[in-house]
C-alpha atoms as a PDB file:
ATOM      1  CA  UNK A   1     -40.401  16.148   2.097  1.00  0.00           C
ATOM      2  CA  UNK A   2     -37.287  14.954   0.239  1.00  0.00           C
ATOM      3  CA  UNK A   3     -34.072  15.602   2.176  1.00  0.00           C
ATOM      4  CA  UNK A   4     -32.288  16.617  -1.044  1.00  0.00           C
ATOM      5  CA  UNK A   5     -34.471  19.701  -1.396  1.00  0.00           C
ATOM      6  CA  UNK A   6     -34.349  22.843   0.703  1.00  0.00           C
ATOM      7  CA  UNK A   7     -36.731  25.575  -0.442  1.00  0.00           C
ATOM      8  CA  UNK A   8     -36.684  24.213  -3.965  1.00  0.00           C
ATOM      9  CA  UNK A   9     -32.885  23.938  -4.181  1.00  0.00           C
ATOM     10  CA  UNK A  10     -31.522  20.466  -4.828  1.00  0.00           C
ATOM     11  CA  UNK A  11     -28.411  19.631  -2.861  1.00  0.00           C
ATOM     12  CA  UNK A  12     -25.866  17.148  -4.125  1.00  0.00           C
ATOM     13  CA  UNK A  13     -23.782  14.915  -1.901  1.00  0.00           C
ATOM     14  CA  UNK A  14     -20.078  15.130  -2.665  1.00  0.00           C
ATOM     15  CA  UNK A  15     -18.282  11.853  -3.142  1.00  0.00           C
ATOM     16  CA  UNK A  16     -14.550  11.363  -2.689  1.00  0.00           C
ATOM     17  CA  UNK A  17     -12.472   8.404  -3.715  1.00  0.00           C
ATOM     18  CA  UNK A  18      -9.848   7.644  -1.104  1.00  0.00           C
ATOM     19  CA  UNK A  19      -6.987   5.220  -1.664  1.00  0.00           C
ATOM     20  CA  UNK A  20      -5.715   2.829   0.970  1.00  0.00           C
ATOM     21  CA  UNK A  21      -2.401   4.758   1.327  1.00  0.00           C
ATOM     22  CA  UNK A  22      -4.360   7.992   1.851  1.00  0.00           C
ATOM     23  CA  UNK A  23      -6.406   6.334   4.586  1.00  0.00           C
ATOM     24  CA  UNK A  24      -3.167   5.130   6.201  1.00  0.00           C
ATOM     25  CA  UNK A  25      -1.656   8.614   6.105  1.00  0.00           C
ATOM     26  CA  UNK A  26      -4.777  10.187   7.539  1.00  0.00           C
ATOM     27  CA  UNK A  27      -4.996   7.563  10.285  1.00  0.00           C
ATOM     28  CA  UNK A  28      -1.293   7.972  11.108  1.00  0.00           C
ATOM     29  CA  UNK A  29      -1.488  11.732  11.431  1.00  0.00           C
ATOM     30  CA  UNK A  30      -4.617  11.489  13.580  1.00  0.00           C
ATOM     31  CA  UNK A  31      -2.849   8.923  15.774  1.00  0.00           C
ATOM     32  CA  UNK A  32       0.151  11.220  16.274  1.00  0.00           C
ATOM     33  CA  UNK A  33      -2.131  14.108  17.145  1.00  0.00           C
ATOM     34  CA  UNK A  34      -4.058  11.933  19.616  1.00  0.00           C
ATOM     35  CA  UNK A  35      -0.874  10.544  21.148  1.00  0.00           C
ATOM     36  CA  UNK A  36       0.445  14.057  21.619  1.00  0.00           C
ATOM     37  CA  UNK A  37      -2.725  15.147  23.365  1.00  0.00           C
ATOM     38  CA  UNK A  38      -2.672  12.023  25.548  1.00  0.00           C
ATOM     39  CA  UNK A  39       0.922  12.693  26.589  1.00  0.00           C
ATOM     40  CA  UNK A  40       0.080  16.268  27.460  1.00  0.00           C
ATOM     41  CA  UNK A  41      -2.592  14.941  29.795  1.00  0.00           C
ATOM     42  CA  UNK A  42      -0.513  12.028  31.134  1.00  0.00           C
ATOM     43  CA  UNK A  43       1.141  11.782  34.528  1.00  0.00           C
ATOM     44  CA  UNK A  44       3.772   9.159  33.551  1.00  0.00           C
ATOM     45  CA  UNK A  45       6.512  11.620  32.563  1.00  0.00           C
ATOM     46  CA  UNK A  46       7.875  14.733  34.184  1.00  0.00           C
ATOM     47  CA  UNK A  47       5.985  17.840  33.197  1.00  0.00           C
ATOM     48  CA  UNK A  48       8.882  19.069  31.059  1.00  0.00           C
ATOM     49  CA  UNK A  49       9.233  15.756  29.181  1.00  0.00           C
ATOM     50  CA  UNK A  50       5.484  15.489  28.720  1.00  0.00           C
ATOM     51  CA  UNK A  51       5.204  18.979  27.264  1.00  0.00           C
ATOM     52  CA  UNK A  52       8.157  18.534  24.908  1.00  0.00           C
ATOM     53  CA  UNK A  53       7.027  15.192  23.511  1.00  0.00           C
ATOM     54  CA  UNK A  54       3.346  16.095  23.530  1.00  0.00           C
ATOM     55  CA  UNK A  55       3.732  19.380  21.685  1.00  0.00           C
ATOM     56  CA  UNK A  56       6.070  17.753  19.170  1.00  0.00           C
ATOM     57  CA  UNK A  57       3.525  15.044  18.374  1.00  0.00           C
ATOM     58  CA  UNK A  58       0.670  17.542  18.228  1.00  0.00           C
ATOM     59  CA  UNK A  59       2.657  19.745  15.843  1.00  0.00           C
ATOM     60  CA  UNK A  60       3.715  16.859  13.592  1.00  0.00           C
ATOM     61  CA  UNK A  61       0.186  15.439  13.540  1.00  0.00           C
ATOM     62  CA  UNK A  62      -1.416  18.786  12.764  1.00  0.00           C
ATOM     63  CA  UNK A  63       1.182  19.917  10.223  1.00  0.00           C
ATOM     64  CA  UNK A  64       1.091  16.654   8.297  1.00  0.00           C
ATOM     65  CA  UNK A  65      -2.705  16.640   8.266  1.00  0.00           C
ATOM     66  CA  UNK A  66      -3.011  20.043   6.574  1.00  0.00           C
ATOM     67  CA  UNK A  67      -1.411  19.055   3.229  1.00  0.00           C
ATOM     68  CA  UNK A  68      -3.375  15.791   3.197  1.00  0.00           C
ATOM     69  CA  UNK A  69      -6.660  17.631   3.668  1.00  0.00           C
ATOM     70  CA  UNK A  70      -5.745  20.198   1.012  1.00  0.00           C
ATOM     71  CA  UNK A  71      -4.792  17.431  -1.427  1.00  0.00           C
ATOM     72  CA  UNK A  72      -7.943  15.488  -0.653  1.00  0.00           C
ATOM     73  CA  UNK A  73     -10.253  18.439  -1.323  1.00  0.00           C
ATOM     74  CA  UNK A  74      -8.301  19.710  -4.347  1.00  0.00           C
ATOM     75  CA  UNK A  75      -8.931  16.401  -6.158  1.00  0.00           C
ATOM     76  CA  UNK A  76     -12.578  17.483  -6.444  1.00  0.00           C
ATOM     77  CA  UNK A  77     -11.830  20.286  -8.870  1.00  0.00           C
END
């Protein structure tokens, strides 16, 4: 059975064009989010320093990802 059909309904794969700067922005925000999580789990800093830096990086990574995702998916329409 063809994978594009489900009970007689044809499904289309969405395609997105992504520019190199967009990939860089996405990678950078993911890196900040990951670094923040790593610092939260790290034992190299005092607990207070780790929490402050970690939560800051998590917040920046998450907050900068949201507009990128919204922009990326709004280009479809």
